[in-house]
Amino acid sequence: MKNIKIALSLLMLICISSCDDFLSEVPDNRLQIDTPEKISELLADAYPDGSYISITESMTDNVSDNKTSLVNINNEQSFNWELQDDQTSRDTQGFYWNAAYKAIATANKALAAIKELGDTADLNPQKGEALLARAYAHFMLVSIWSNRYNPATAATDLGIPYVTEPEEVLIKNYKRNSVKEVFDLVESDIKEGLKYVTNDYRTEYLKYHFNKEAAKAFAARFYTIKGDWEKVLEYTDGLGNKPVGKLRDWAAYNSYDFPNKPIEYAKNTQVTNLLVGFPSSICGRATNLNRFAFTRAKERDEILGSETNIFNKDWLIDIVIQGASGANVAVYKFDEYFKYTNLTAQIGLPYTGVVLFSNDEMFLNRIEAHVMTNQLDIATAELEYFLGTRTDGYTSTDVLTKAKIYAKYPVIDNEYTPFYSLTTEQASFIKAITEARRREFLHEGQRWFDIKRFNLVVEHDTYNAQGQISKKNILVKDDKRRAVQIPLNASNNGIEKNPR
């Protein structure tokens, strides 16, 4: 009996010990984010693993029908400002929406982990990055799926859900914040993030995550949209009025052979590049394969012809004829890296290098801010410097004057209509700067955001096999289609649709 009691006692101890061991185990396989290093690794996924470029570029006046038989339904539906049927393939509306919210969830998880670890000073760099990444993803979502920012209507315009907490349930219903609420929250996150962001953190990957310069570029873009010109000048002050050596060197870019051009364009060693992403995207293929693309007619007649240069010289922006038909042309900007997941089956995932923020954009925003604060002499000198670095054969005798700007970019009544008023002089300057931005960021989708904030009219014509216009589609001012329709997977889960 004594031996039996001892055996039972030992068995109970073993069971208790086993239970303690079991209860001390994590109940699932989730990684515990409990060190600064783990938070840093987590934040690598706090940027959308998808691209908006093919969506927004196809909606702009940079593209036209090349009149070939090429068919890509996603490209065609974006060209016609429609909801895409395909919501899951790369470079579609639904794919980017999901990628942005996944990035937001990651940023929120990092912020929660920082809070759990005591929100100590040594975690400030990660905190700054997480706040800025959260703000950026929300800002891109509201810029695409909502009406343009207008303080007169922002409080009632539908924004997007602004998510600030990690998801703790399988399915959670979200309501859309107003545009004003979204902008207020983005601004709060930017301001807070700027307090902590640093260049002395993950220095080997400096330009692949938010750093000081990228954060300022983001702030400058945000305040340009809001029309807070003093803030724009504050955040772009580091560039000065003549940023020698800080802008893209197009002459150097042209010296590379075609395979190396896109590699160099998005390279982290390029001084102008402040934040570089590598989303899962095939946006580079669109310049070649899309029917509605940057065509030879656009290149000759509207955008890169020498007659469009204020110095009446050729642009340095180098293009190449694309496709077997030669109908499309392109600036080589996108380097696609295909990561094989099964080499035998030849399957894998495509990733494309894209520039998210640059000194070039910052400087153009700075010039615009000088215009809107009536510092036109400064803006003229800055614009001459910028355009000179993009002009083949530019010399000191190519002097830009206000009179030349007024003559080259005459005011057309009701053409540029932002929410704020423009004097006649400002209207010509804004048109000149916007046209410079249009050329600088060809294929990159940024033109769409200028079309929205200036309420520009866009006409898209579709041609039949006989070369006749079969469909004329005009995006008029205040057209409801300027706010892209909410993706089906979101609206089916209760997210309110945009009015049509």
Protein backbone atom coordinates (compact mmCIF):
# COMPACT_ATOMS: atom_id res chain seq x y z
CA MET A 1 0.00 0.00 0.00
CA LYS A 2 2.83 2.35 0.86
CA ASN A 3 4.46 1.75 -2.52
CA ILE A 4 1.12 2.40 -4.26
CA LYS A 5 0.75 5.75 -2.42
CA ILE A 6 4.28 6.77 -3.42
CA ALA A 7 3.58 5.83 -7.03
CA LEU A 8 0.33 7.81 -7.06
CA SER A 9 2.08 10.81 -5.52
CA LEU A 10 4.80 10.69 -8.16
CA LEU A 11 2.17 10.39 -10.88
CA MET A 12 0.34 13.46 -9.55
CA LEU A 13 3.58 15.45 -9.45
CA ILE A 14 4.35 14.46 -13.03
CA CYS A 15 0.84 15.43 -14.10
CA ILE A 16 1.03 18.79 -12.30
CA SER A 17 4.45 19.43 -13.80
CA SER A 18 3.18 18.49 -17.25
CA CYS A 19 0.16 20.74 -16.84
CA ASP A 20 2.40 23.63 -15.79
CA ASP A 21 4.58 23.03 -18.84
CA PHE A 22 1.53 22.91 -21.09
CA LEU A 23 -0.06 26.06 -19.66
CA SER A 24 3.22 27.93 -20.04
CA GLU A 25 3.25 27.22 -23.77
CA VAL A 26 1.93 29.75 -26.29
CA PRO A 27 -1.50 28.39 -27.38
CA ASP A 28 -0.71 28.86 -31.10
CA ASN A 29 2.25 29.38 -33.39
CA ARG A 30 2.20 33.17 -33.49
CA LEU A 31 5.52 34.91 -33.06
CA GLN A 32 5.78 36.79 -29.79
CA ILE A 33 6.81 40.37 -30.59
CA ASP A 34 8.68 41.01 -27.37
CA THR A 35 12.01 42.61 -28.32
CA PRO A 36 13.01 45.76 -30.24
CA GLU A 37 14.62 43.58 -32.89
CA LYS A 38 11.41 41.62 -33.48
CA ILE A 39 9.42 44.84 -33.77
CA SER A 40 11.89 46.10 -36.36
CA GLU A 41 11.52 42.91 -38.36
CA LEU A 42 7.73 43.12 -38.11
CA LEU A 43 7.77 46.67 -39.50
CA ALA A 44 9.25 45.42 -42.76
CA ASP A 45 5.65 44.39 -43.55
CA ALA A 46 4.12 47.75 -42.53
CA TYR A 47 4.19 48.97 -46.16
CA PRO A 48 1.58 47.89 -48.72
CA ASP A 49 2.72 44.75 -50.53
CA GLY A 50 0.84 45.93 -53.57
CA SER A 51 0.97 48.86 -55.97
CA TYR A 52 -1.57 51.53 -56.94
CA ILE A 53 0.46 52.55 -60.01
CA SER A 54 -1.40 50.58 -62.71
CA ILE A 55 -4.75 51.65 -61.24
CA THR A 56 -4.16 55.38 -61.02
CA GLU A 57 -1.96 55.79 -64.11
CA SER A 58 -4.61 54.21 -66.34
CA MET A 59 -7.15 56.82 -65.18
CA THR A 60 -5.01 59.81 -66.19
CA ASP A 61 -4.58 61.86 -69.32
CA ASN A 62 -1.10 60.34 -69.70
CA VAL A 63 -2.69 57.35 -71.41
CA SER A 64 -4.69 56.86 -74.59
CA ASP A 65 -5.95 54.03 -76.77
CA ASN A 66 -3.06 52.71 -78.86
CA LYS A 67 -5.65 51.20 -81.23
CA THR A 68 -4.25 47.67 -81.06
CA SER A 69 -6.08 44.47 -80.14
CA LEU A 70 -4.32 44.14 -76.80
CA VAL A 71 -6.87 43.27 -74.10
CA ASN A 72 -6.50 43.64 -70.33
CA ILE A 73 -9.86 44.04 -68.66
CA ASN A 74 -8.37 45.62 -65.52
CA ASN A 75 -6.58 48.23 -67.65
CA GLU A 76 -9.74 48.91 -69.66
CA GLN A 77 -11.94 49.29 -66.58
CA SER A 78 -9.49 51.68 -64.92
CA PHE A 79 -9.29 53.65 -68.19
CA ASN A 80 -13.08 54.03 -68.02
CA TRP A 81 -13.06 54.86 -64.27
CA GLU A 82 -15.01 51.72 -63.44
CA LEU A 83 -14.94 49.22 -60.59
CA GLN A 84 -12.69 46.34 -61.63
CA ASP A 85 -14.30 42.91 -61.82
CA ASP A 86 -11.02 41.30 -60.82
CA GLN A 87 -10.46 42.09 -57.14
CA THR A 88 -7.67 39.68 -56.29
CA SER A 89 -4.98 39.82 -58.99
CA ARG A 90 -1.90 41.98 -58.52
CA ASP A 91 -2.21 45.66 -59.40
CA THR A 92 -5.98 45.69 -59.03
CA GLN A 93 -8.10 47.92 -56.83
CA GLY A 94 -9.05 45.16 -54.41
CA PHE A 95 -5.48 43.89 -54.16
CA TYR A 96 -4.11 47.30 -53.19
CA TRP A 97 -6.95 47.97 -50.73
CA ASN A 98 -6.21 44.68 -48.94
CA ALA A 99 -2.46 45.26 -49.05
CA ALA A 100 -2.83 48.70 -47.49
CA TYR A 101 -5.00 47.45 -44.64
CA LYS A 102 -2.66 44.53 -44.05
CA ALA A 103 0.18 47.05 -43.72
CA ILE A 104 -1.95 49.07 -41.28
CA ALA A 105 -2.64 45.96 -39.20
CA THR A 106 1.10 45.29 -39.04
CA ALA A 107 1.85 48.86 -37.93
CA ASN A 108 -0.84 48.60 -35.24
CA LYS A 109 0.59 45.29 -34.02
CA ALA A 110 4.01 46.94 -33.72
CA LEU A 111 2.57 49.88 -31.79
CA ALA A 112 0.75 47.51 -29.44
CA ALA A 113 3.98 45.57 -28.84
CA ILE A 114 5.82 48.83 -28.12
CA LYS A 115 3.16 49.73 -25.57
CA GLU A 116 3.39 46.30 -23.94
CA LEU A 117 7.16 46.71 -23.62
CA GLY A 118 6.69 49.95 -21.70
CA ASP A 119 6.94 52.45 -24.58
CA THR A 120 10.53 53.15 -23.57
CA ALA A 121 12.86 55.62 -25.28
CA ASP A 122 14.89 52.86 -26.95
CA LEU A 123 11.75 51.93 -28.90
CA ASN A 124 11.22 55.44 -30.28
CA PRO A 125 12.67 54.68 -33.75
CA GLN A 126 10.28 51.76 -34.20
CA LYS A 127 7.40 53.86 -32.86
CA GLY A 128 8.15 56.64 -35.33
CA GLU A 129 8.27 54.26 -38.26
CA ALA A 130 5.05 52.48 -37.25
CA LEU A 131 3.13 55.76 -36.92
CA LEU A 132 4.35 57.05 -40.28
CA ALA A 133 3.66 53.74 -42.02
CA ARG A 134 0.14 53.68 -40.60
CA ALA A 135 -0.43 57.26 -41.71
CA TYR A 136 0.95 56.58 -45.20
CA ALA A 137 -1.27 53.57 -45.93
CA HIS A 138 -4.38 55.43 -44.74
CA PHE A 139 -3.40 58.51 -46.74
CA MET A 140 -3.06 56.51 -49.95
CA LEU A 141 -6.41 54.82 -49.35
CA VAL A 142 -8.27 58.09 -48.78
CA SER A 143 -6.50 59.65 -51.78
CA ILE A 144 -7.84 56.92 -54.08
CA TRP A 145 -11.23 55.93 -52.64
CA SER A 146 -12.57 59.30 -51.46
CA ASN A 147 -13.34 62.70 -52.89
CA ARG A 148 -10.44 65.17 -53.02
CA TYR A 149 -9.71 67.04 -49.82
CA ASN A 150 -11.83 70.18 -49.54
CA PRO A 151 -12.21 71.76 -46.09
CA ALA A 152 -15.68 73.00 -47.04
CA THR A 153 -17.00 69.45 -47.53
CA ALA A 154 -14.45 67.22 -45.75
CA ALA A 155 -16.59 66.81 -42.63
CA THR A 156 -19.39 65.17 -44.65
CA ASP A 157 -17.44 63.50 -47.47
CA LEU A 158 -16.97 59.75 -47.04
CA GLY A 159 -13.40 58.85 -46.14
CA ILE A 160 -12.15 55.35 -45.35
CA PRO A 161 -12.02 53.41 -42.06
CA TYR A 162 -9.06 54.64 -39.99
CA VAL A 163 -7.89 51.66 -37.96
CA THR A 164 -5.76 52.32 -34.87
CA GLU A 165 -6.01 49.05 -32.93
CA PRO A 166 -4.92 45.49 -33.76
CA GLU A 167 -7.76 43.23 -34.79
CA GLU A 168 -8.71 40.84 -32.02
CA VAL A 169 -11.69 39.17 -33.72
CA LEU A 170 -11.98 37.15 -36.91
CA ILE A 171 -14.45 39.49 -38.59
CA LYS A 172 -14.92 43.10 -37.48
CA ASN A 173 -17.29 45.59 -39.01
CA TYR A 174 -15.81 48.99 -39.81
CA LYS A 175 -17.49 52.27 -40.66
CA ARG A 176 -16.00 54.92 -42.90
CA ASN A 177 -14.59 57.97 -41.19
CA SER A 178 -15.19 61.32 -42.88
CA VAL A 179 -12.41 62.76 -45.04
CA LYS A 180 -11.80 65.37 -42.33
CA GLU A 181 -11.45 62.70 -39.65
CA VAL A 182 -9.03 60.72 -41.80
CA PHE A 183 -6.91 63.78 -42.56
CA ASP A 184 -6.87 64.79 -38.90
CA LEU A 185 -5.72 61.30 -37.89
CA VAL A 186 -3.11 61.15 -40.64
CA GLU A 187 -1.78 64.53 -39.54
CA SER A 188 -1.65 63.41 -35.92
CA ASP A 189 0.30 60.27 -36.83
CA ILE A 190 2.69 62.25 -39.06
CA LYS A 191 3.40 64.81 -36.33
CA GLU A 192 3.93 62.14 -33.71
CA GLY A 193 6.02 59.98 -36.04
CA LEU A 194 8.28 62.91 -36.94
CA LYS A 195 9.19 63.25 -33.26
CA TYR A 196 10.76 59.81 -33.17
CA VAL A 197 11.86 58.88 -36.68
CA THR A 198 15.62 58.67 -37.12
CA ASN A 199 18.33 57.85 -39.63
CA ASP A 200 20.32 55.94 -37.00
CA TYR A 201 18.12 52.87 -37.14
CA ARG A 202 18.39 49.91 -39.48
CA THR A 203 20.92 51.94 -41.43
CA GLU A 204 21.64 49.09 -43.86
CA TYR A 205 18.00 49.38 -45.02
CA LEU A 206 17.70 53.15 -44.54
CA LYS A 207 15.70 53.93 -47.69
CA TYR A 208 13.45 50.90 -47.44
CA HIS A 209 11.65 52.27 -44.40
CA PHE A 210 10.66 55.70 -43.14
CA ASN A 211 13.68 57.84 -42.28
CA LYS A 212 13.88 61.56 -41.52
CA GLU A 213 13.99 62.72 -45.12
CA ALA A 214 11.24 60.36 -46.28
CA ALA A 215 9.07 61.47 -43.36
CA LYS A 216 9.53 65.13 -44.34
CA ALA A 217 8.70 64.30 -47.96
CA PHE A 218 5.50 62.59 -46.79
CA ALA A 219 4.63 65.61 -44.64
CA ALA A 220 5.30 67.95 -47.58
CA ARG A 221 2.99 65.90 -49.84
CA PHE A 222 0.28 65.84 -47.19
CA TYR A 223 0.38 69.59 -46.57
CA THR A 224 0.48 70.30 -50.30
CA ILE A 225 -2.85 68.49 -50.59
CA LYS A 226 -4.18 70.43 -47.57
CA GLY A 227 -2.93 73.73 -48.94
CA ASP A 228 -0.86 74.54 -45.83
CA TRP A 229 1.98 76.26 -47.69
CA GLU A 230 3.98 77.37 -44.67
CA LYS A 231 4.18 73.75 -43.53
CA VAL A 232 5.32 72.69 -46.99
CA LEU A 233 8.12 75.27 -46.91
CA GLU A 234 9.08 74.13 -43.41
CA TYR A 235 9.45 70.47 -44.36
CA THR A 236 11.23 71.15 -47.66
CA ASP A 237 13.63 73.73 -46.24
CA GLY A 238 16.54 71.28 -46.31
CA LEU A 239 16.54 71.33 -50.12
CA GLY A 240 17.06 75.08 -50.33
CA ASN A 241 16.25 77.01 -53.49
CA LYS A 242 18.81 75.26 -55.68
CA PRO A 243 19.31 71.63 -54.61
CA VAL A 244 22.49 70.90 -56.56
CA GLY A 245 23.27 67.19 -56.59
CA LYS A 246 20.02 66.26 -54.83
CA LEU A 247 17.71 65.80 -57.81
CA ARG A 248 17.61 62.95 -60.33
CA ASP A 249 20.46 63.14 -62.82
CA TRP A 250 18.66 62.34 -66.06
CA ALA A 251 21.84 62.65 -68.14
CA ALA A 252 23.47 59.94 -66.00
CA TYR A 253 20.32 57.82 -66.22
CA ASN A 254 20.41 58.05 -70.02
CA SER A 255 23.97 56.72 -70.07
CA TYR A 256 22.87 53.31 -68.80
CA ASP A 257 21.80 50.55 -71.16
CA PHE A 258 18.15 49.54 -71.11
CA PRO A 259 18.48 46.55 -68.73
CA ASN A 260 20.14 48.77 -66.13
CA LYS A 261 17.96 51.86 -66.45
CA PRO A 262 15.10 50.57 -64.25
CA ILE A 263 17.57 49.18 -61.72
CA GLU A 264 19.21 52.57 -61.40
CA TYR A 265 15.92 54.46 -61.30
CA ALA A 266 14.71 52.88 -58.05
CA LYS A 267 18.13 52.19 -56.55
CA ASN A 268 18.53 53.10 -52.89
CA THR A 269 21.89 54.73 -53.65
CA GLN A 270 20.25 57.36 -55.86
CA VAL A 271 20.39 60.57 -53.81
CA THR A 272 16.94 61.70 -54.85
CA ASN A 273 15.25 58.46 -53.73
CA LEU A 274 14.08 58.83 -50.14
CA LEU A 275 11.75 55.84 -49.74
CA VAL A 276 11.84 52.81 -52.04
CA GLY A 277 9.37 49.95 -52.00
CA PHE A 278 9.35 46.47 -53.53
CA PRO A 279 5.66 45.51 -53.65
CA SER A 280 4.39 42.37 -55.31
CA SER A 281 3.57 43.95 -58.65
CA ILE A 282 3.95 43.64 -62.41
CA CYS A 283 3.31 47.35 -63.05
CA GLY A 284 6.40 47.56 -65.27
CA ARG A 285 4.84 45.18 -67.79
CA ALA A 286 1.87 47.51 -68.24
CA THR A 287 3.87 50.05 -70.24
CA ASN A 288 4.41 47.35 -72.87
CA LEU A 289 1.32 45.16 -72.70
CA ASN A 290 -1.57 47.55 -72.02
CA ARG A 291 -3.77 48.86 -74.79
CA PHE A 292 -4.54 52.00 -72.81
CA ALA A 293 -1.07 53.29 -72.14
CA PHE A 294 1.47 56.03 -72.86
CA THR A 295 1.40 56.01 -76.66
CA ARG A 296 3.62 57.45 -79.37
CA ALA A 297 0.94 60.04 -80.14
CA LYS A 298 0.97 61.25 -76.52
CA GLU A 299 4.76 61.36 -76.52
CA ARG A 300 4.94 63.39 -79.73
CA ASP A 301 2.01 65.70 -79.29
CA GLU A 302 1.43 66.40 -75.62
CA ILE A 303 4.09 65.43 -73.17
CA LEU A 304 7.66 64.93 -74.34
CA GLY A 305 7.81 66.77 -77.65
CA SER A 306 10.37 69.60 -77.79
CA GLU A 307 7.57 72.09 -78.35
CA THR A 308 6.33 71.30 -74.83
CA ASN A 309 9.67 72.42 -73.36
CA ILE A 310 9.68 76.07 -72.29
CA PHE A 311 13.23 76.42 -73.67
CA ASN A 312 12.11 74.82 -76.97
CA LYS A 313 14.68 72.06 -76.60
CA ASP A 314 14.46 68.30 -76.24
CA TRP A 315 13.73 66.78 -72.86
CA LEU A 316 16.40 64.65 -71.22
CA ILE A 317 13.71 62.19 -70.14
CA ASP A 318 14.63 59.18 -72.25
CA ILE A 319 12.00 56.89 -73.79
CA VAL A 320 11.99 53.63 -75.71
CA ILE A 321 9.45 52.22 -78.16
CA GLN A 322 7.54 49.30 -76.64
CA GLY A 323 5.84 46.20 -77.99
CA ALA A 324 5.78 44.46 -81.35
CA SER A 325 3.38 47.05 -82.76
CA GLY A 326 5.51 49.94 -81.56
CA ALA A 327 2.34 51.67 -80.39
CA ASN A 328 3.51 52.31 -76.83
CA VAL A 329 6.52 54.19 -75.54
CA ALA A 330 7.99 54.12 -72.07
CA VAL A 331 10.50 55.57 -69.68
CA TYR A 332 12.31 52.56 -68.19
CA LYS A 333 11.59 52.91 -64.47
CA PHE A 334 10.44 49.56 -63.13
CA ASP A 335 12.81 46.69 -62.42
CA GLU A 336 10.92 43.47 -61.83
CA TYR A 337 12.46 40.78 -59.67
CA PHE A 338 10.82 37.37 -60.00
CA LYS A 339 11.26 35.24 -56.90
CA TYR A 340 10.86 31.57 -57.75
CA THR A 341 8.95 29.55 -55.17
CA ASN A 342 9.24 26.40 -57.28
CA LEU A 343 12.08 26.46 -59.77
CA THR A 344 11.05 23.19 -61.37
CA ALA A 345 7.51 24.36 -62.02
CA GLN A 346 8.79 27.82 -62.93
CA ILE A 347 6.33 29.54 -60.60
CA GLY A 348 6.91 32.31 -58.12
CA LEU A 349 6.12 35.88 -57.11
CA PRO A 350 6.96 39.11 -58.97
CA TYR A 351 8.28 42.15 -57.10
CA THR A 352 8.94 45.55 -58.62
CA GLY A 353 11.10 48.38 -57.29
CA VAL A 354 9.16 51.65 -57.02
CA VAL A 355 10.09 55.09 -55.69
CA LEU A 356 7.53 56.18 -53.10
CA PHE A 357 9.11 59.53 -52.14
CA SER A 358 11.88 61.57 -53.73
CA ASN A 359 13.65 64.92 -53.57
CA ASP A 360 12.23 65.65 -57.03
CA GLU A 361 8.68 65.59 -55.69
CA MET A 362 9.68 67.55 -52.60
CA PHE A 363 11.28 70.30 -54.67
CA LEU A 364 8.24 70.64 -56.92
CA ASN A 365 6.07 70.92 -53.82
CA ARG A 366 8.43 73.60 -52.51
CA ILE A 367 8.15 75.61 -55.75
CA GLU A 368 4.37 75.35 -55.56
CA ALA A 369 4.41 76.61 -51.97
CA HIS A 370 6.50 79.61 -53.00
CA VAL A 371 3.95 80.37 -55.73
CA MET A 372 1.03 80.12 -53.34
CA THR A 373 2.77 82.42 -50.82
CA ASN A 374 3.31 84.94 -53.65
CA GLN A 375 7.09 84.54 -53.75
CA LEU A 376 7.08 84.38 -57.54
CA ASP A 377 10.67 85.53 -58.08
CA ILE A 378 11.95 82.68 -55.93
CA ALA A 379 9.57 80.24 -57.64
CA THR A 380 10.78 81.38 -61.08
CA ALA A 381 14.43 80.76 -60.20
CA GLU A 382 13.60 77.38 -58.66
CA LEU A 383 11.53 76.30 -61.65
CA GLU A 384 14.29 77.34 -64.04
CA TYR A 385 16.76 75.20 -62.12
CA PHE A 386 14.42 72.20 -62.09
CA LEU A 387 13.50 72.41 -65.79
CA GLY A 388 17.12 73.09 -66.73
CA THR A 389 18.20 69.79 -65.19
CA ARG A 390 15.62 68.05 -67.39
CA THR A 391 16.45 69.85 -70.65
CA ASP A 392 18.93 68.57 -73.21
CA GLY A 393 21.45 71.30 -74.06
CA TYR A 394 20.34 73.71 -71.34
CA THR A 395 22.81 76.58 -70.81
CA SER A 396 22.97 79.73 -68.74
CA THR A 397 21.51 81.65 -71.68
CA ASP A 398 18.23 79.75 -71.25
CA VAL A 399 16.70 82.19 -68.79
CA LEU A 400 13.23 81.62 -67.44
CA THR A 401 11.10 84.67 -66.77
CA LYS A 402 7.61 85.19 -65.43
CA ALA A 403 6.59 86.51 -68.85
CA LYS A 404 7.70 83.25 -70.49
CA ILE A 405 5.68 81.25 -67.97
CA TYR A 406 2.56 83.34 -68.57
CA ALA A 407 2.97 82.96 -72.34
CA LYS A 408 3.70 79.22 -72.30
CA TYR A 409 1.00 78.38 -69.76
CA PRO A 410 -1.87 80.82 -70.39
CA VAL A 411 -4.79 80.80 -68.02
CA ILE A 412 -7.84 78.97 -69.34
CA ASP A 413 -11.04 79.82 -67.57
CA ASN A 414 -12.27 77.06 -65.24
CA GLU A 415 -9.38 74.73 -66.08
CA TYR A 416 -7.52 74.48 -62.75
CA THR A 417 -10.03 74.67 -59.91
CA PRO A 418 -8.55 73.65 -56.54
CA PHE A 419 -10.57 74.33 -53.41
CA TYR A 420 -8.59 77.55 -52.89
CA SER A 421 -8.50 80.58 -55.17
CA LEU A 422 -5.72 81.33 -57.64
CA THR A 423 -4.64 84.69 -59.02
CA THR A 424 -4.01 84.84 -62.76
CA GLU A 425 -0.24 84.75 -62.14
CA GLN A 426 -0.50 81.84 -59.71
CA ALA A 427 -2.68 79.89 -62.15
CA SER A 428 0.01 80.03 -64.87
CA PHE A 429 2.73 78.99 -62.42
CA ILE A 430 0.64 76.13 -61.01
CA LYS A 431 -0.01 74.87 -64.52
CA ALA A 432 3.73 74.97 -65.29
CA ILE A 433 4.62 73.09 -62.09
CA THR A 434 1.88 70.51 -62.61
CA GLU A 435 3.05 69.89 -66.17
CA ALA A 436 6.62 69.45 -64.87
CA ARG A 437 5.34 66.96 -62.31
CA ARG A 438 3.40 65.16 -65.05
CA ARG A 439 6.57 64.52 -67.07
CA GLU A 440 8.73 63.71 -64.08
CA PHE A 441 6.49 60.94 -62.81
CA LEU A 442 5.26 59.35 -66.03
CA HIS A 443 4.00 55.78 -65.43
CA GLU A 444 4.11 56.26 -61.64
CA GLY A 445 0.45 57.07 -61.06
CA GLN A 446 1.03 60.42 -59.38
CA ARG A 447 -0.67 62.39 -62.16
CA TRP A 448 -4.03 61.10 -60.92
CA PHE A 449 -3.69 62.92 -57.62
CA ASP A 450 -3.07 66.23 -59.41
CA ILE A 451 -6.09 65.57 -61.62
CA LYS A 452 -8.18 65.13 -58.47
CA ARG A 453 -6.95 68.09 -56.45
CA PHE A 454 -7.12 70.53 -59.38
CA ASN A 455 -10.40 69.00 -60.63
CA LEU A 456 -9.01 68.65 -64.15
CA VAL A 457 -11.23 67.35 -66.94
CA VAL A 458 -9.99 64.18 -68.67
CA GLU A 459 -11.23 62.75 -71.96
CA HIS A 460 -10.65 59.09 -72.84
CA ASP A 461 -11.51 57.93 -76.35
CA THR A 462 -11.76 54.29 -77.39
CA TYR A 463 -11.32 53.35 -81.07
CA ASN A 464 -12.76 50.53 -83.17
CA ALA A 465 -10.91 48.36 -85.69
CA GLN A 466 -11.44 50.99 -88.38
CA GLY A 467 -9.69 53.64 -86.31
CA GLN A 468 -12.87 55.52 -85.52
CA ILE A 469 -13.93 56.65 -82.06
CA SER A 470 -16.34 54.05 -80.72
CA LYS A 471 -16.62 55.47 -77.20
CA LYS A 472 -16.00 58.94 -75.85
CA ASN A 473 -15.73 59.03 -72.08
CA ILE A 474 -15.25 62.34 -70.27
CA LEU A 475 -14.42 62.74 -66.58
CA VAL A 476 -16.06 66.08 -65.90
CA LYS A 477 -15.41 68.34 -62.94
CA ASP A 478 -16.73 66.94 -59.66
CA ASP A 479 -17.44 63.63 -61.41
CA LYS A 480 -18.36 61.04 -58.77
CA ARG A 481 -16.00 58.55 -60.44
CA ARG A 482 -13.03 60.56 -59.14
CA ALA A 483 -13.55 58.58 -55.94
CA VAL A 484 -12.83 54.99 -56.99
CA GLN A 485 -15.64 52.65 -56.02
CA ILE A 486 -15.07 50.60 -52.85
CA PRO A 487 -13.78 47.09 -53.72
CA LEU A 488 -16.41 44.36 -53.68
CA ASN A 489 -14.75 42.37 -50.91
CA ALA A 490 -14.98 45.46 -48.67
CA SER A 491 -18.50 46.57 -49.63
CA ASN A 492 -19.75 42.99 -49.23
CA ASN A 493 -18.46 43.14 -45.65
CA GLY A 494 -20.41 46.27 -44.84
CA ILE A 495 -18.18 49.14 -46.02
CA GLU A 496 -20.46 51.82 -47.46
CA LYS A 497 -20.10 52.31 -51.21
CA ASN A 498 -19.29 55.61 -52.88
CA PRO A 499 -22.29 57.35 -54.46
CA ARG A 500 -22.72 56.95 -58.21
